[in-house]
C-alpha cells in the first residue's frame, strides 16, 4: 500500500501510515464526518465531504495552532487491488482549518 498523503519525511507505505496514526493522527482522533458522499467505480473509491473535530492545540504543518473546534472539506481517494487498498490520496483544506483556529490571519 502506498499512502501518497503522508509527509515526505514518513515512509509512504503501511509503516508510514501506522507511524502517522500513532503520532500526528492522535491529535485528530476526534475527527468525524459531518457530511460525506462516497462514490465507487471499478477499482476506485472516493470520499468527499466535511470532517469536523476538536484540535487539542500544538504544532500543525510546522505552525503553532491554538486549540478549538474546526470543520474542513476533504477528499480521500483509494485504489483497490483484490479488495485491499493499494494506494491512498488525500486533499484537505488545512489552510481553512488553520484560519478557523486562529493560527493564520489574512486582511
N, C-alpha and C. Protein backbone atom coordinates (compact mmCIF):
# COMPACT_ATOMS: atom_id res chain seq x y z
N UNK A 1 0.84 -1.18 0.00
CA UNK A 1 0.00 0.00 0.00
C UNK A 1 0.88 1.23 0.00
N UNK A 2 0.57 2.17 -0.87
CA UNK A 2 1.28 3.43 -0.92
C UNK A 2 0.32 4.54 -0.50
N UNK A 3 0.69 5.27 0.55
CA UNK A 3 -0.13 6.38 1.04
C UNK A 3 0.52 7.67 0.56
N UNK A 4 -0.02 8.24 -0.50
CA UNK A 4 0.53 9.46 -1.11
C UNK A 4 0.24 10.70 -0.27
N UNK A 5 -0.57 10.57 0.77
CA UNK A 5 -0.97 11.72 1.57
C UNK A 5 -0.04 11.99 2.75
N UNK A 6 0.94 11.16 2.95
CA UNK A 6 1.84 11.35 4.09
C UNK A 6 2.91 12.39 3.80
N UNK A 7 3.42 12.99 4.86
CA UNK A 7 4.52 13.95 4.72
C UNK A 7 5.72 13.25 4.10
N UNK A 8 6.53 13.98 3.34
CA UNK A 8 7.68 13.36 2.66
C UNK A 8 8.70 12.77 3.63
N UNK A 9 8.65 13.15 4.89
CA UNK A 9 9.59 12.60 5.88
C UNK A 9 9.17 11.23 6.39
N UNK A 10 7.96 10.81 6.07
CA UNK A 10 7.47 9.50 6.52
C UNK A 10 7.56 8.48 5.38
N UNK A 11 7.72 7.20 5.72
CA UNK A 11 7.65 6.16 4.69
C UNK A 11 6.26 6.17 4.07
N UNK A 12 6.15 5.91 2.79
CA UNK A 12 4.88 6.03 2.07
C UNK A 12 3.94 4.85 2.26
N UNK A 13 4.42 3.73 2.77
CA UNK A 13 3.58 2.54 2.88
C UNK A 13 2.87 2.41 4.20
N UNK A 14 2.55 1.16 4.55
CA UNK A 14 1.85 0.89 5.80
C UNK A 14 2.65 1.37 7.01
N UNK A 15 3.95 1.25 6.94
CA UNK A 15 4.79 1.69 8.06
C UNK A 15 4.57 3.18 8.35
N UNK A 16 4.57 4.00 7.31
CA UNK A 16 4.35 5.43 7.47
C UNK A 16 2.94 5.75 7.94
N UNK A 17 1.95 4.99 7.45
CA UNK A 17 0.56 5.19 7.88
C UNK A 17 0.42 4.86 9.36
N UNK A 18 1.00 3.76 9.78
CA UNK A 18 0.95 3.38 11.21
C UNK A 18 1.67 4.42 12.07
N UNK A 19 2.80 4.90 11.59
CA UNK A 19 3.56 5.93 12.30
C UNK A 19 2.72 7.20 12.45
N UNK A 20 2.05 7.62 11.37
CA UNK A 20 1.18 8.81 11.41
C UNK A 20 0.06 8.62 12.43
N UNK A 21 -0.61 7.47 12.38
CA UNK A 21 -1.74 7.23 13.29
C UNK A 21 -1.30 7.19 14.74
N UNK A 22 -0.07 6.73 15.00
CA UNK A 22 0.44 6.64 16.37
C UNK A 22 0.91 7.99 16.90
N UNK A 23 1.16 8.96 16.02
CA UNK A 23 1.70 10.25 16.46
C UNK A 23 0.73 11.37 16.07
N UNK A 24 0.90 11.94 14.92
CA UNK A 24 0.09 13.09 14.48
C UNK A 24 -1.39 12.75 14.39
N UNK A 25 -1.72 11.56 13.97
CA UNK A 25 -3.11 11.16 13.83
C UNK A 25 -3.87 11.18 15.14
N UNK A 26 -3.17 11.02 16.26
CA UNK A 26 -3.82 11.05 17.57
C UNK A 26 -4.44 12.42 17.84
N UNK A 27 -3.81 13.49 17.33
CA UNK A 27 -4.35 14.84 17.54
C UNK A 27 -5.67 15.03 16.82
N UNK A 28 -5.91 14.23 15.79
CA UNK A 28 -7.15 14.34 15.02
C UNK A 28 -8.12 13.21 15.37
N UNK A 29 -7.95 12.61 16.54
CA UNK A 29 -8.76 11.45 16.91
C UNK A 29 -10.24 11.78 17.05
N UNK A 30 -10.57 13.06 17.29
CA UNK A 30 -11.99 13.43 17.39
C UNK A 30 -12.59 13.72 16.02
N UNK A 31 -11.78 13.68 14.97
CA UNK A 31 -12.21 13.97 13.61
C UNK A 31 -13.32 13.00 13.19
N UNK A 32 -14.43 13.55 12.66
CA UNK A 32 -15.53 12.70 12.21
C UNK A 32 -16.21 13.36 11.01
N UNK A 33 -16.95 12.56 10.26
CA UNK A 33 -17.66 13.09 9.11
C UNK A 33 -18.87 13.89 9.56
N UNK A 34 -19.01 15.10 9.02
CA UNK A 34 -20.21 15.90 9.21
C UNK A 34 -21.14 15.67 8.02
N UNK A 35 -20.58 15.69 6.83
CA UNK A 35 -21.26 15.37 5.58
C UNK A 35 -20.31 14.53 4.76
N UNK A 36 -20.82 13.53 4.06
CA UNK A 36 -19.95 12.71 3.22
C UNK A 36 -20.73 12.12 2.06
N UNK A 37 -20.06 12.05 0.92
CA UNK A 37 -20.55 11.36 -0.26
C UNK A 37 -19.47 10.36 -0.64
N UNK A 38 -19.86 9.12 -0.90
CA UNK A 38 -18.92 8.08 -1.29
C UNK A 38 -19.30 7.60 -2.68
N UNK A 39 -18.30 7.59 -3.56
CA UNK A 39 -18.50 7.15 -4.93
C UNK A 39 -17.51 6.02 -5.20
N UNK A 40 -18.00 4.91 -5.73
CA UNK A 40 -17.13 3.78 -6.05
C UNK A 40 -17.38 3.36 -7.49
N UNK A 41 -16.29 3.21 -8.24
CA UNK A 41 -16.39 2.77 -9.63
C UNK A 41 -15.12 2.02 -9.99
N UNK A 42 -15.28 0.84 -10.55
CA UNK A 42 -14.15 -0.01 -10.91
C UNK A 42 -13.24 -0.19 -9.69
N UNK A 43 -11.98 0.23 -9.77
CA UNK A 43 -11.05 0.00 -8.66
C UNK A 43 -10.85 1.24 -7.78
N UNK A 44 -11.70 2.26 -7.93
CA UNK A 44 -11.53 3.49 -7.16
C UNK A 44 -12.72 3.74 -6.23
N UNK A 45 -12.41 4.25 -5.04
CA UNK A 45 -13.41 4.71 -4.08
C UNK A 45 -13.02 6.12 -3.69
N UNK A 46 -13.99 7.05 -3.76
CA UNK A 46 -13.74 8.45 -3.42
C UNK A 46 -14.70 8.85 -2.31
N UNK A 47 -14.15 9.46 -1.26
CA UNK A 47 -14.97 10.06 -0.20
C UNK A 47 -14.78 11.56 -0.30
N UNK A 48 -15.87 12.30 -0.30
CA UNK A 48 -15.80 13.76 -0.32
C UNK A 48 -16.79 14.30 0.70
N UNK A 49 -16.36 15.26 1.49
CA UNK A 49 -17.28 15.85 2.44
C UNK A 49 -16.57 16.78 3.41
N UNK A 50 -17.24 16.99 4.53
CA UNK A 50 -16.71 17.86 5.58
C UNK A 50 -16.44 17.00 6.81
N UNK A 51 -15.22 17.12 7.31
CA UNK A 51 -14.84 16.46 8.56
C UNK A 51 -14.67 17.53 9.61
N UNK A 52 -15.17 17.25 10.80
CA UNK A 52 -15.06 18.23 11.87
C UNK A 52 -14.50 17.54 13.11
N UNK A 53 -14.04 18.34 14.03
CA UNK A 53 -13.47 17.80 15.25
C UNK A 53 -13.00 18.90 16.16
N UNK A 54 -12.18 18.52 17.13
CA UNK A 54 -11.61 19.48 18.07
C UNK A 54 -10.10 19.32 18.05
N UNK A 55 -9.41 20.36 17.64
CA UNK A 55 -7.94 20.36 17.62
C UNK A 55 -7.47 20.64 19.05
N UNK A 56 -6.57 19.80 19.62
CA UNK A 56 -6.16 19.97 21.01
C UNK A 56 -5.11 21.06 21.23
N UNK A 57 -4.68 21.68 20.15
CA UNK A 57 -3.60 22.67 20.24
C UNK A 57 -2.26 22.00 19.98
N UNK A 58 -1.33 22.77 19.45
CA UNK A 58 0.00 22.23 19.16
C UNK A 58 0.42 22.55 17.75
N UNK A 59 1.53 21.98 17.34
CA UNK A 59 2.10 22.24 16.03
C UNK A 59 1.34 21.46 14.95
N UNK A 60 1.00 22.16 13.87
CA UNK A 60 0.34 21.54 12.72
C UNK A 60 1.01 22.08 11.47
N UNK A 61 1.61 21.20 10.68
CA UNK A 61 2.32 21.60 9.47
C UNK A 61 3.38 22.67 9.77
N UNK A 62 4.02 22.55 10.92
CA UNK A 62 5.10 23.47 11.28
C UNK A 62 4.65 24.80 11.87
N UNK A 63 3.34 24.96 12.11
CA UNK A 63 2.79 26.20 12.65
C UNK A 63 2.12 25.89 13.99
N UNK A 64 2.35 26.74 14.97
CA UNK A 64 1.67 26.57 16.27
C UNK A 64 0.20 26.95 16.10
N UNK A 65 -0.69 26.03 16.39
CA UNK A 65 -2.12 26.23 16.18
C UNK A 65 -2.84 26.09 17.52
N UNK A 66 -3.60 27.12 17.93
CA UNK A 66 -4.33 27.03 19.20
C UNK A 66 -5.45 25.99 19.12
N UNK A 67 -5.88 25.53 20.28
CA UNK A 67 -6.94 24.52 20.32
C UNK A 67 -8.29 25.12 19.96
N UNK A 68 -9.19 24.24 19.52
CA UNK A 68 -10.53 24.68 19.21
C UNK A 68 -11.22 23.78 18.20
N UNK A 69 -12.51 24.03 17.96
CA UNK A 69 -13.27 23.23 17.00
C UNK A 69 -12.98 23.66 15.57
N UNK A 70 -13.13 22.73 14.65
CA UNK A 70 -12.91 23.04 13.23
C UNK A 70 -13.81 22.16 12.38
N UNK A 71 -14.00 22.60 11.14
CA UNK A 71 -14.66 21.81 10.11
C UNK A 71 -13.91 22.10 8.82
N UNK A 72 -13.49 21.05 8.12
CA UNK A 72 -12.75 21.27 6.88
C UNK A 72 -13.20 20.29 5.80
N UNK A 73 -13.18 20.78 4.57
CA UNK A 73 -13.54 19.95 3.43
C UNK A 73 -12.37 19.03 3.10
N UNK A 74 -12.69 17.77 2.79
CA UNK A 74 -11.67 16.79 2.46
C UNK A 74 -12.13 15.89 1.32
N UNK A 75 -11.14 15.34 0.63
CA UNK A 75 -11.38 14.30 -0.38
C UNK A 75 -10.35 13.21 -0.13
N UNK A 76 -10.81 11.98 0.01
CA UNK A 76 -9.92 10.83 0.12
C UNK A 76 -10.18 9.94 -1.09
N UNK A 77 -9.13 9.46 -1.72
CA UNK A 77 -9.25 8.59 -2.89
C UNK A 77 -8.47 7.32 -2.60
N UNK A 78 -9.10 6.19 -2.85
CA UNK A 78 -8.47 4.89 -2.63
C UNK A 78 -8.51 4.10 -3.92
N UNK A 79 -7.39 3.45 -4.24
CA UNK A 79 -7.35 2.50 -5.36
C UNK A 79 -7.23 1.12 -4.76
N UNK A 80 -8.14 0.23 -5.15
CA UNK A 80 -8.18 -1.12 -4.58
C UNK A 80 -7.61 -2.14 -5.55
N UNK A 81 -6.96 -3.13 -4.99
CA UNK A 81 -6.48 -4.29 -5.75
C UNK A 81 -6.86 -5.52 -4.93
N UNK A 82 -7.62 -6.42 -5.52
CA UNK A 82 -8.07 -7.63 -4.82
C UNK A 82 -8.76 -7.31 -3.50
N UNK A 83 -9.56 -6.24 -3.48
CA UNK A 83 -10.32 -5.89 -2.30
C UNK A 83 -9.54 -5.20 -1.20
N UNK A 84 -8.28 -4.87 -1.47
CA UNK A 84 -7.45 -4.20 -0.46
C UNK A 84 -6.96 -2.86 -1.00
N UNK A 85 -6.72 -1.92 -0.10
CA UNK A 85 -6.23 -0.61 -0.51
C UNK A 85 -4.79 -0.74 -1.00
N UNK A 86 -4.57 -0.34 -2.26
CA UNK A 86 -3.23 -0.36 -2.83
C UNK A 86 -2.60 1.04 -2.79
N UNK A 87 -3.46 2.08 -2.97
CA UNK A 87 -2.97 3.46 -2.92
C UNK A 87 -4.02 4.34 -2.26
N UNK A 88 -3.53 5.41 -1.62
CA UNK A 88 -4.43 6.36 -0.96
C UNK A 88 -3.91 7.78 -1.20
N UNK A 89 -4.84 8.68 -1.52
CA UNK A 89 -4.53 10.10 -1.68
C UNK A 89 -5.48 10.89 -0.79
N UNK A 90 -5.07 12.09 -0.39
CA UNK A 90 -5.94 12.97 0.40
C UNK A 90 -5.74 14.41 -0.04
N UNK A 91 -6.85 15.13 -0.14
CA UNK A 91 -6.83 16.57 -0.39
C UNK A 91 -7.65 17.18 0.74
N UNK A 92 -6.99 18.02 1.55
CA UNK A 92 -7.66 18.59 2.73
C UNK A 92 -7.49 20.10 2.72
N UNK A 93 -8.48 20.78 3.25
CA UNK A 93 -8.39 22.23 3.39
C UNK A 93 -7.71 22.57 4.72
N UNK A 94 -6.41 22.28 4.80
CA UNK A 94 -5.65 22.57 6.02
C UNK A 94 -5.55 24.07 6.27
N UNK A 95 -5.43 24.85 5.23
CA UNK A 95 -5.35 26.31 5.38
C UNK A 95 -6.63 26.85 6.01
N UNK A 96 -7.77 26.39 5.52
CA UNK A 96 -9.04 26.80 6.09
C UNK A 96 -9.16 26.41 7.56
N UNK A 97 -8.69 25.21 7.90
CA UNK A 97 -8.71 24.75 9.28
C UNK A 97 -7.85 25.65 10.16
N UNK A 98 -6.66 25.98 9.69
CA UNK A 98 -5.75 26.82 10.46
C UNK A 98 -6.32 28.23 10.64
N UNK A 99 -7.01 28.74 9.62
CA UNK A 99 -7.67 30.06 9.74
C UNK A 99 -8.78 30.01 10.77
N UNK A 100 -9.59 28.94 10.75
CA UNK A 100 -10.69 28.81 11.72
C UNK A 100 -10.16 28.83 13.15
N UNK A 101 -9.01 28.20 13.35
CA UNK A 101 -8.44 28.07 14.70
C UNK A 101 -7.63 29.29 15.10
N UNK A 102 -7.48 30.26 14.19
CA UNK A 102 -6.78 31.49 14.53
C UNK A 102 -5.27 31.44 14.41
N UNK A 103 -4.75 30.38 13.80
CA UNK A 103 -3.29 30.27 13.64
C UNK A 103 -2.80 31.18 12.53
N UNK A 104 -3.64 31.45 11.54
CA UNK A 104 -3.28 32.31 10.41
C UNK A 104 -4.37 33.36 10.24
N UNK A 105 -3.96 34.57 9.97
CA UNK A 105 -4.93 35.64 9.76
C UNK A 105 -4.57 36.39 8.50
N UNK A 106 -5.59 36.71 7.72
CA UNK A 106 -5.41 37.43 6.47
C UNK A 106 -6.25 38.70 6.52
N UNK A 107 -5.75 39.75 5.90
CA UNK A 107 -6.52 41.00 5.85
C UNK A 107 -7.30 41.10 4.57
